[in-house]
Structures are given as structure tokens and as C-alpha cells.
Amino acid sequence: NFAPHGRNSATRSRSLIEKWWTEEP
């Protein structure tokens, strides 16, 4: 649900990283 493209969904966006790990710590 967060990384539908697997490793190609990786990001350096701080806001998106915060969102992901806030929703699934």
C-alpha cells in the first residue's frame, strides 16, 4: 500500500517518509 513499485517506490522526501512511518511505525 505504501510501496506499490517495491524498491522503485523509494524516496528521499522527508514528508513522505514521515507519513509512511507515522502510519506504520
PDB file of all heavy atoms in Angstrom:
ATOM      1  N   ASN A   1       0.819  -1.220   0.000  1.00  0.00           N
ATOM      2  CA  ASN A   1       0.000   0.000   0.000  1.00  0.00           C
ATOM      3  C   ASN A   1       0.849   1.265   0.000  1.00  0.00           C
ATOM      4  O   ASN A   1       0.427   2.304  -0.522  1.00  0.00           O
ATOM      5  CB  ASN A   1      -0.959  -0.002   1.195  1.00  0.00           C
ATOM      6  CG  ASN A   1      -0.245  -0.214   2.517  1.00  0.00           C
ATOM      7  OD1 ASN A   1       0.811  -0.862   2.570  1.00  0.00           O
ATOM      8  ND2 ASN A   1      -0.819   0.287   3.595  1.00  0.00           N
ATOM      9  N   PHE A   2       2.038   1.213   0.576  1.00  0.00           N
ATOM     10  CA  PHE A   2       2.929   2.364   0.597  1.00  0.00           C
ATOM     11  C   PHE A   2       3.965   2.314  -0.531  1.00  0.00           C
ATOM     12  O   PHE A   2       4.405   3.352  -1.022  1.00  0.00           O
ATOM     13  CB  PHE A   2       3.665   2.457   1.932  1.00  0.00           C
ATOM     14  CG  PHE A   2       2.785   2.780   3.103  1.00  0.00           C
ATOM     15  CD1 PHE A   2       3.177   2.432   4.388  1.00  0.00           C
ATOM     16  CD2 PHE A   2       1.576   3.432   2.944  1.00  0.00           C
ATOM     17  CE1 PHE A   2       2.379   2.728   5.485  1.00  0.00           C
ATOM     18  CE2 PHE A   2       0.771   3.731   4.016  1.00  0.00           C
ATOM     19  CZ  PHE A   2       1.170   3.377   5.301  1.00  0.00           C
ATOM     20  N   ALA A   3       4.396   1.112  -0.884  1.00  0.00           N
ATOM     21  CA  ALA A   3       5.456   0.941  -1.879  1.00  0.00           C
ATOM     22  C   ALA A   3       4.980  -0.010  -2.972  1.00  0.00           C
ATOM     23  O   ALA A   3       5.477  -1.134  -3.100  1.00  0.00           O
ATOM     24  CB  ALA A   3       6.722   0.411  -1.205  1.00  0.00           C
ATOM     25  N   PRO A   4       3.996   0.416  -3.772  1.00  0.00           N
ATOM     26  CA  PRO A   4       3.423  -0.478  -4.784  1.00  0.00           C
ATOM     27  C   PRO A   4       4.413  -0.907  -5.861  1.00  0.00           C
ATOM     28  O   PRO A   4       4.208  -1.921  -6.523  1.00  0.00           O
ATOM     29  CB  PRO A   4       2.284   0.358  -5.390  1.00  0.00           C
ATOM     30  CG  PRO A   4       2.673   1.774  -5.126  1.00  0.00           C
ATOM     31  CD  PRO A   4       3.364   1.751  -3.802  1.00  0.00           C
ATOM     32  N   HIS A   5       5.493  -0.150  -6.016  1.00  0.00           N
ATOM     33  CA  HIS A   5       6.504  -0.481  -7.019  1.00  0.00           C
ATOM     34  C   HIS A   5       7.765  -1.038  -6.368  1.00  0.00           C
ATOM     35  O   HIS A   5       8.846  -1.022  -6.976  1.00  0.00           O
ATOM     36  CB  HIS A   5       6.839   0.743  -7.862  1.00  0.00           C
ATOM     37  CG  HIS A   5       5.640   1.349  -8.518  1.00  0.00           C
ATOM     38  ND1 HIS A   5       4.927   0.710  -9.517  1.00  0.00           N
ATOM     39  CD2 HIS A   5       4.992   2.530  -8.293  1.00  0.00           C
ATOM     40  CE1 HIS A   5       3.916   1.470  -9.890  1.00  0.00           C
ATOM     41  NE2 HIS A   5       3.928   2.575  -9.166  1.00  0.00           N
ATOM     42  N   GLY A   6       7.621  -1.544  -5.149  1.00  0.00           N
ATOM     43  CA  GLY A   6       8.765  -2.139  -4.471  1.00  0.00           C
ATOM     44  C   GLY A   6       9.883  -1.143  -4.257  1.00  0.00           C
ATOM     45  O   GLY A   6       9.654   0.007  -3.853  1.00  0.00           O
ATOM     46  N   ARG A   7      11.109  -1.561  -4.557  1.00  0.00           N
ATOM     47  CA  ARG A   7      12.267  -0.696  -4.320  1.00  0.00           C
ATOM     48  C   ARG A   7      12.217   0.562  -5.173  1.00  0.00           C
ATOM     49  O   ARG A   7      12.838   1.566  -4.852  1.00  0.00           O
ATOM     50  CB  ARG A   7      13.558  -1.461  -4.557  1.00  0.00           C
ATOM     51  CG  ARG A   7      13.679  -2.171  -5.896  1.00  0.00           C
ATOM     52  CD  ARG A   7      14.521  -1.511  -6.902  1.00  0.00           C
ATOM     53  NE  ARG A   7      15.897  -1.363  -6.497  1.00  0.00           N
ATOM     54  CZ  ARG A   7      16.719  -0.518  -7.063  1.00  0.00           C
ATOM     55  NH1 ARG A   7      16.272   0.288  -8.032  1.00  0.00           N
ATOM     56  NH2 ARG A   7      17.975  -0.418  -6.684  1.00  0.00           N
ATOM     57  N   ASN A   8      11.464   0.532  -6.262  1.00  0.00           N
ATOM     58  CA  ASN A   8      11.335   1.730  -7.098  1.00  0.00           C
ATOM     59  C   ASN A   8      10.421   2.790  -6.482  1.00  0.00           C
ATOM     60  O   ASN A   8      10.288   3.889  -7.020  1.00  0.00           O
ATOM     61  CB  ASN A   8      10.831   1.352  -8.487  1.00  0.00           C
ATOM     62  CG  ASN A   8      11.836   0.537  -9.276  1.00  0.00           C
ATOM     63  OD1 ASN A   8      13.054   0.694  -9.096  1.00  0.00           O
ATOM     64  ND2 ASN A   8      11.360  -0.344 -10.122  1.00  0.00           N
ATOM     65  N   SER A   9       9.777   2.442  -5.370  1.00  0.00           N
ATOM     66  CA  SER A   9       8.979   3.426  -4.636  1.00  0.00           C
ATOM     67  C   SER A   9       9.820   4.192  -3.618  1.00  0.00           C
ATOM     68  O   SER A   9       9.303   5.079  -2.938  1.00  0.00           O
ATOM     69  CB  SER A   9       7.818   2.736  -3.911  1.00  0.00           C
ATOM     70  OG  SER A   9       6.901   2.160  -4.829  1.00  0.00           O
ATOM     71  N   ALA A  10      11.101   3.851  -3.513  1.00  0.00           N
ATOM     72  CA  ALA A  10      11.971   4.520  -2.542  1.00  0.00           C
ATOM     73  C   ALA A  10      12.030   6.017  -2.802  1.00  0.00           C
ATOM     74  O   ALA A  10      11.993   6.467  -3.946  1.00  0.00           O
ATOM     75  CB  ALA A  10      13.376   3.916  -2.584  1.00  0.00           C
ATOM     76  N   THR A  11      12.142   6.782  -1.717  1.00  0.00           N
ATOM     77  CA  THR A  11      12.130   8.236  -1.840  1.00  0.00           C
ATOM     78  C   THR A  11      13.081   8.875  -0.836  1.00  0.00           C
ATOM     79  O   THR A  11      13.434   8.269   0.182  1.00  0.00           O
ATOM     80  CB  THR A  11      10.711   8.782  -1.598  1.00  0.00           C
ATOM     81  OG1 THR A  11      10.702  10.208  -1.810  1.00  0.00           O
ATOM     82  CG2 THR A  11      10.248   8.503  -0.180  1.00  0.00           C
ATOM     83  N   ARG A  12      13.469  10.107  -1.146  1.00  0.00           N
ATOM     84  CA  ARG A  12      14.200  10.940  -0.189  1.00  0.00           C
ATOM     85  C   ARG A  12      13.307  12.067   0.328  1.00  0.00           C
ATOM     86  O   ARG A  12      13.795  12.986   0.993  1.00  0.00           O
ATOM     87  CB  ARG A  12      15.463  11.506  -0.832  1.00  0.00           C
ATOM     88  CG  ARG A  12      16.554  10.489  -1.059  1.00  0.00           C
ATOM     89  CD  ARG A  12      17.896  11.137  -1.347  1.00  0.00           C
ATOM     90  NE  ARG A  12      17.897  11.830  -2.625  1.00  0.00           N
ATOM     91  CZ  ARG A  12      18.254  11.276  -3.780  1.00  0.00           C
ATOM     92  NH1 ARG A  12      18.624  10.001  -3.808  1.00  0.00           N
ATOM     93  NH2 ARG A  12      18.252  11.966  -4.897  1.00  0.00           N
ATOM     94  N   SER A  13      12.016  11.983   0.042  1.00  0.00           N
ATOM     95  CA  SER A  13      11.078  13.000   0.514  1.00  0.00           C
ATOM     96  C   SER A  13      10.846  12.830   2.013  1.00  0.00           C
ATOM     97  O   SER A  13      10.272  11.831   2.461  1.00  0.00           O
ATOM     98  CB  SER A  13       9.740  12.877  -0.224  1.00  0.00           C
ATOM     99  OG  SER A  13       8.749  13.648   0.408  1.00  0.00           O
ATOM    100  N   ARG A  14      11.286  13.787   2.790  1.00  0.00           N
ATOM    101  CA  ARG A  14      11.151  13.688   4.250  1.00  0.00           C
ATOM    102  C   ARG A  14       9.680  13.625   4.681  1.00  0.00           C
ATOM    103  O   ARG A  14       9.322  12.853   5.565  1.00  0.00           O
ATOM    104  CB  ARG A  14      11.850  14.873   4.914  1.00  0.00           C
ATOM    105  CG  ARG A  14      12.001  14.718   6.431  1.00  0.00           C
ATOM    106  CD  ARG A  14      12.876  15.805   7.010  1.00  0.00           C
ATOM    107  NE  ARG A  14      13.123  15.574   8.422  1.00  0.00           N
ATOM    108  CZ  ARG A  14      14.102  14.840   8.904  1.00  0.00           C
ATOM    109  NH1 ARG A  14      14.950  14.253   8.060  1.00  0.00           N
ATOM    110  NH2 ARG A  14      14.273  14.670  10.199  1.00  0.00           N
ATOM    111  N   SER A  15       8.850  14.402   4.006  1.00  0.00           N
ATOM    112  CA  SER A  15       7.437  14.418   4.388  1.00  0.00           C
ATOM    113  C   SER A  15       6.772  13.072   4.113  1.00  0.00           C
ATOM    114  O   SER A  15       5.950  12.598   4.911  1.00  0.00           O
ATOM    115  CB  SER A  15       6.703  15.533   3.639  1.00  0.00           C
ATOM    116  OG  SER A  15       6.772  15.338   2.236  1.00  0.00           O
ATOM    117  N   LEU A  16       7.130  12.438   3.007  1.00  0.00           N
ATOM    118  CA  LEU A  16       6.536  11.137   2.690  1.00  0.00           C
ATOM    119  C   LEU A  16       7.047  10.060   3.635  1.00  0.00           C
ATOM    120  O   LEU A  16       6.283   9.187   4.079  1.00  0.00           O
ATOM    121  CB  LEU A  16       6.848  10.763   1.239  1.00  0.00           C
ATOM    122  CG  LEU A  16       6.200   9.480   0.712  1.00  0.00           C
ATOM    123  CD1 LEU A  16       4.694   9.494   0.930  1.00  0.00           C
ATOM    124  CD2 LEU A  16       6.539   9.288  -0.765  1.00  0.00           C
ATOM    125  N   ILE A  17       8.332  10.114   3.965  1.00  0.00           N
ATOM    126  CA  ILE A  17       8.898   9.156   4.921  1.00  0.00           C
ATOM    127  C   ILE A  17       8.222   9.303   6.277  1.00  0.00           C
ATOM    128  O   ILE A  17       7.871   8.313   6.930  1.00  0.00           O
ATOM    129  CB  ILE A  17      10.422   9.341   5.033  1.00  0.00           C
ATOM    130  CG1 ILE A  17      11.091   8.954   3.704  1.00  0.00           C
ATOM    131  CG2 ILE A  17      10.996   8.516   6.184  1.00  0.00           C
ATOM    132  CD1 ILE A  17      12.547   9.346   3.615  1.00  0.00           C
ATOM    133  N   GLU A  18       8.026  10.533   6.724  1.00  0.00           N
ATOM    134  CA  GLU A  18       7.331  10.770   7.990  1.00  0.00           C
ATOM    135  C   GLU A  18       5.908  10.221   7.939  1.00  0.00           C
ATOM    136  O   GLU A  18       5.428   9.625   8.909  1.00  0.00           O
ATOM    137  CB  GLU A  18       7.320  12.265   8.305  1.00  0.00           C
ATOM    138  CG  GLU A  18       8.682  12.812   8.714  1.00  0.00           C
ATOM    139  CD  GLU A  18       8.626  14.303   9.022  1.00  0.00           C
ATOM    140  OE1 GLU A  18       7.709  14.979   8.505  1.00  0.00           O
ATOM    141  OE2 GLU A  18       9.502  14.779   9.770  1.00  0.00           O
ATOM    142  N   LYS A  19       5.233  10.406   6.834  1.00  0.00           N
ATOM    143  CA  LYS A  19       3.870   9.905   6.674  1.00  0.00           C
ATOM    144  C   LYS A  19       3.837   8.384   6.753  1.00  0.00           C
ATOM    145  O   LYS A  19       3.015   7.798   7.469  1.00  0.00           O
ATOM    146  CB  LYS A  19       3.289  10.382   5.342  1.00  0.00           C
ATOM    147  CG  LYS A  19       1.871   9.874   5.041  1.00  0.00           C
ATOM    148  CD  LYS A  19       1.388  10.406   3.704  1.00  0.00           C
ATOM    149  CE  LYS A  19      -0.050   9.968   3.409  1.00  0.00           C
ATOM    150  NZ  LYS A  19      -0.161   8.509   3.247  1.00  0.00           N
ATOM    151  N   TRP A  20       4.737   7.739   6.012  1.00  0.00           N
ATOM    152  CA  TRP A  20       4.762   6.275   5.995  1.00  0.00           C
ATOM    153  C   TRP A  20       4.958   5.710   7.396  1.00  0.00           C
ATOM    154  O   TRP A  20       4.201   4.850   7.843  1.00  0.00           O
ATOM    155  CB  TRP A  20       5.895   5.789   5.098  1.00  0.00           C
ATOM    156  CG  TRP A  20       5.601   5.826   3.627  1.00  0.00           C
ATOM    157  CD1 TRP A  20       4.383   5.897   3.029  1.00  0.00           C
ATOM    158  CD2 TRP A  20       6.575   5.792   2.571  1.00  0.00           C
ATOM    159  NE1 TRP A  20       4.522   5.890   1.670  1.00  0.00           N
ATOM    160  CE2 TRP A  20       5.849   5.827   1.354  1.00  0.00           C
ATOM    161  CE3 TRP A  20       7.966   5.717   2.532  1.00  0.00           C
ATOM    162  CZ2 TRP A  20       6.498   5.795   0.111  1.00  0.00           C
ATOM    163  CZ3 TRP A  20       8.601   5.692   1.298  1.00  0.00           C
ATOM    164  CH2 TRP A  20       7.877   5.727   0.110  1.00  0.00           C
ATOM    165  N   TRP A  21       5.992   6.184   8.100  1.00  0.00           N
ATOM    166  CA  TRP A  21       6.323   5.580   9.392  1.00  0.00           C
ATOM    167  C   TRP A  21       5.436   6.097  10.524  1.00  0.00           C
ATOM    168  O   TRP A  21       5.401   5.497  11.582  1.00  0.00           O
ATOM    169  CB  TRP A  21       7.807   5.743   9.689  1.00  0.00           C
ATOM    170  CG  TRP A  21       8.583   4.562   9.153  1.00  0.00           C
ATOM    171  CD1 TRP A  21       8.814   3.389   9.811  1.00  0.00           C
ATOM    172  CD2 TRP A  21       9.187   4.423   7.869  1.00  0.00           C
ATOM    173  NE1 TRP A  21       9.528   2.518   9.015  1.00  0.00           N
ATOM    174  CE2 TRP A  21       9.776   3.137   7.815  1.00  0.00           C
ATOM    175  CE3 TRP A  21       9.300   5.258   6.758  1.00  0.00           C
ATOM    176  CZ2 TRP A  21      10.460   2.664   6.703  1.00  0.00           C
ATOM    177  CZ3 TRP A  21       9.974   4.793   5.647  1.00  0.00           C
ATOM    178  CH2 TRP A  21      10.546   3.523   5.613  1.00  0.00           C
ATOM    179  N   THR A  22       4.734   7.183  10.305  1.00  0.00           N
ATOM    180  CA  THR A  22       3.725   7.591  11.280  1.00  0.00           C
ATOM    181  C   THR A  22       2.520   6.657  11.201  1.00  0.00           C
ATOM    182  O   THR A  22       1.960   6.254  12.220  1.00  0.00           O
ATOM    183  CB  THR A  22       3.279   9.043  11.030  1.00  0.00           C
ATOM    184  OG1 THR A  22       4.400   9.921  11.220  1.00  0.00           O
ATOM    185  CG2 THR A  22       2.167   9.450  11.992  1.00  0.00           C
ATOM    186  N   GLU A  23       2.154   6.286   9.982  1.00  0.00           N
ATOM    187  CA  GLU A  23       1.014   5.390   9.795  1.00  0.00           C
ATOM    188  C   GLU A  23       1.360   3.943  10.129  1.00  0.00           C
ATOM    189  O   GLU A  23       0.492   3.181  10.567  1.00  0.00           O
ATOM    190  CB  GLU A  23       0.507   5.490   8.349  1.00  0.00           C
ATOM    191  CG  GLU A  23      -0.097   6.848   8.017  1.00  0.00           C
ATOM    192  CD  GLU A  23      -0.723   6.880   6.630  1.00  0.00           C
ATOM    193  OE1 GLU A  23      -1.028   5.794   6.091  1.00  0.00           O
ATOM    194  OE2 GLU A  23      -0.910   7.991   6.093  1.00  0.00           O
ATOM    195  N   GLU A  24       2.615   3.534   9.943  1.00  0.00           N
ATOM    196  CA  GLU A  24       3.047   2.178  10.285  1.00  0.00           C
ATOM    197  C   GLU A  24       4.413   2.240  10.953  1.00  0.00           C
ATOM    198  O   GLU A  24       5.449   2.058  10.331  1.00  0.00           O
ATOM    199  CB  GLU A  24       3.102   1.295   9.028  1.00  0.00           C
ATOM    200  CG  GLU A  24       3.465  -0.158   9.314  1.00  0.00           C
ATOM    201  CD  GLU A  24       2.706  -0.741  10.485  1.00  0.00           C
ATOM    202  OE1 GLU A  24       1.555  -1.169  10.277  1.00  0.00           O
ATOM    203  OE2 GLU A  24       3.245  -0.726  11.622  1.00  0.00           O
ATOM    204  N   PRO A  25       4.431   2.517  12.283  1.00  0.00           N
ATOM    205  CA  PRO A  25       5.702   2.698  12.995  1.00  0.00           C
ATOM    206  C   PRO A  25       6.585   1.454  13.006  1.00  0.00           C
ATOM    207  O   PRO A  25       7.793   1.565  13.220  1.00  0.00           O
ATOM    208  CB  PRO A  25       5.256   3.048  14.421  1.00  0.00           C
ATOM    209  CG  PRO A  25       3.842   3.519  14.281  1.00  0.00           C
ATOM    210  CD  PRO A  25       3.265   2.750  13.146  1.00  0.00           C
TER     211      PRO A  25
END
